[in-house]
Each structure stands twice: as structure tokens, then as C-alpha cells.
């Protein structure tokens, strides 16, 4: 392995302290809009599942909510995420309470 010896020289003039890039600078990291889009799609599909009694919309809403939750950042609003997730779960529960038959896929009538 390596040993600490006097031959190891650190160049203190080459040490640069890390500074996070400013939000407006061209080197700033680009924020991923996927969680926001999936959150919005989850809400739309949840409302379609609730209002139109479409079970597949309710299941797609749960999928969108899970993707949104998996890709969210720590700084994102957890209340918004949780309300979207609960809305999608309630859409599935309500659609099966109103009609307990198994889901018929939309493409099966073709």
C-alpha cells in the first residue's frame, strides 16, 4: 500500500474548494420534470377513474403515482405526493366497490 512519507508533496496552491453552481448559471444541474408530470397524470387518471368508473384509469393512476414517488426529490412537497397517491388508491377502491366484476381491458372488445 501507500505509506506516508516525506516524499509526498501536496500542492496547496492547486486545492480548490467546491462551490455549488448558482441556479441561473449554465453549469447548474437541470431539474428532472418527470415526477411533476407523473403526479399530474396520476391526478388526471384518478379523476377519470372516479368520474367515469374506468378501472384501467384508476390502475394507471396508481402506476403514475408510484413512478412520481420513486423519482421525487427530498425537497419536493410530500403533501402533494401523498394526496395524489391517496387519490389514486381511492379511485381503485371506489371503482371496485361500484362494480366488483374483474376489469375488462379496453382492447378486448376489438
Protein backbone atom coordinates (compact mmCIF):
# COMPACT_ATOMS: atom_id res chain seq x y z
CA UNK A 1 0.00 0.00 0.00
CA UNK A 2 0.93 3.62 0.22
CA UNK A 3 2.94 4.96 3.07
CA UNK A 4 3.04 8.42 4.49
CA UNK A 5 6.48 9.65 3.72
CA UNK A 6 8.12 12.97 3.43
CA UNK A 7 8.34 12.49 -0.35
CA UNK A 8 4.59 13.01 -0.68
CA UNK A 9 4.10 16.63 -1.56
CA UNK A 10 0.71 18.34 -1.57
CA UNK A 11 0.42 21.38 -3.68
CA UNK A 12 -1.69 23.70 -1.57
CA UNK A 13 -1.88 26.25 -4.37
CA UNK A 14 -3.80 23.70 -6.52
CA UNK A 15 -6.51 22.93 -3.94
CA UNK A 16 -9.86 24.44 -4.93
CA UNK A 17 -12.84 24.35 -2.58
CA UNK A 18 -16.10 23.08 -4.13
CA UNK A 19 -18.87 25.64 -4.61
CA UNK A 20 -22.31 24.57 -5.79
CA UNK A 21 -23.33 26.20 -9.08
CA UNK A 22 -25.86 29.01 -8.91
CA UNK A 23 -29.36 28.18 -10.23
CA UNK A 24 -29.13 30.66 -13.12
CA UNK A 25 -25.68 29.64 -14.33
CA UNK A 26 -25.21 27.43 -17.41
CA UNK A 27 -23.46 24.76 -15.29
CA UNK A 28 -26.44 24.35 -12.96
CA UNK A 29 -27.96 20.86 -12.89
CA UNK A 30 -31.15 20.50 -14.89
CA UNK A 31 -34.13 19.53 -12.74
CA UNK A 32 -35.96 16.43 -13.94
CA UNK A 33 -39.65 17.21 -14.62
CA UNK A 34 -40.69 13.52 -14.62
CA UNK A 35 -42.10 13.44 -11.04
CA UNK A 36 -44.21 16.52 -11.69
CA UNK A 37 -45.58 15.15 -14.95
CA UNK A 38 -46.36 11.79 -13.41
CA UNK A 39 -48.02 13.46 -10.44
CA UNK A 40 -50.27 15.46 -12.77
CA UNK A 41 -51.04 12.41 -14.91
CA UNK A 42 -51.85 10.44 -11.77
CA UNK A 43 -54.37 13.06 -10.69
CA UNK A 44 -55.95 13.20 -14.14
CA UNK A 45 -56.26 9.42 -14.39
CA UNK A 46 -57.60 9.26 -10.82
CA UNK A 47 -60.34 11.72 -11.63
CA UNK A 48 -61.17 9.85 -14.84
CA UNK A 49 -61.31 6.61 -12.87
CA UNK A 50 -63.58 8.15 -10.25
CA UNK A 51 -65.91 10.10 -12.55
CA UNK A 52 -66.14 7.70 -15.49
CA UNK A 53 -65.82 4.48 -13.46
CA UNK A 54 -62.95 3.27 -15.63
CA UNK A 55 -60.91 0.74 -13.69
CA UNK A 56 -57.94 0.88 -16.04
CA UNK A 57 -57.67 4.64 -15.48
CA UNK A 58 -57.53 4.06 -11.74
CA UNK A 59 -54.78 1.46 -12.13
CA UNK A 60 -52.80 3.76 -14.44
CA UNK A 61 -53.17 6.47 -11.78
CA UNK A 62 -51.59 4.19 -9.17
CA UNK A 63 -48.75 3.43 -11.58
CA UNK A 64 -48.17 7.16 -12.23
CA UNK A 65 -48.24 7.91 -8.51
CA UNK A 66 -45.67 5.20 -7.81
CA UNK A 67 -43.36 6.49 -10.55
CA UNK A 68 -43.77 10.03 -9.24
CA UNK A 69 -42.99 8.92 -5.69
CA UNK A 70 -39.97 6.90 -6.79
CA UNK A 71 -38.46 9.81 -8.73
CA UNK A 72 -39.21 12.65 -6.31
CA UNK A 73 -36.51 14.59 -4.53
CA UNK A 74 -36.24 15.14 -0.82
CA UNK A 75 -37.16 18.81 -1.27
CA UNK A 76 -40.42 18.05 -3.10
CA UNK A 77 -43.76 18.65 -1.42
CA UNK A 78 -44.67 15.42 0.37
CA UNK A 79 -48.27 16.51 1.00
CA UNK A 80 -48.86 16.85 -2.74
CA UNK A 81 -47.31 13.45 -3.39
CA UNK A 82 -49.29 11.77 -0.62
CA UNK A 83 -52.59 13.33 -1.72
CA UNK A 84 -52.03 12.16 -5.30
CA UNK A 85 -51.22 8.65 -4.09
CA UNK A 86 -54.29 8.52 -1.83
CA UNK A 87 -56.49 9.86 -4.63
CA UNK A 88 -55.34 7.09 -6.96
CA UNK A 89 -55.90 4.43 -4.30
CA UNK A 90 -59.38 5.79 -3.60
CA UNK A 91 -60.13 5.70 -7.34
CA UNK A 92 -59.29 1.98 -7.46
CA UNK A 93 -61.26 1.23 -4.29
CA UNK A 94 -64.32 3.17 -5.39
CA UNK A 95 -64.34 1.69 -8.89
CA UNK A 96 -64.28 -1.84 -7.45
CA UNK A 97 -66.90 -1.02 -4.81
CA UNK A 98 -69.27 0.23 -7.50
CA UNK A 99 -68.63 -2.71 -9.83
CA UNK A 100 -66.89 -5.74 -8.29
CA UNK A 101 -66.54 -7.64 -11.59
CA UNK A 102 -63.00 -8.09 -12.89
CA UNK A 103 -61.60 -5.39 -15.08
CA UNK A 104 -62.25 -5.76 -18.80
CA UNK A 105 -59.31 -4.33 -20.77
CA UNK A 106 -60.33 -1.68 -23.32
CA UNK A 107 -58.68 -3.59 -26.19
CA UNK A 108 -60.63 -6.83 -25.57
CA UNK A 109 -63.69 -5.53 -27.47
CA UNK A 110 -61.74 -5.15 -30.72
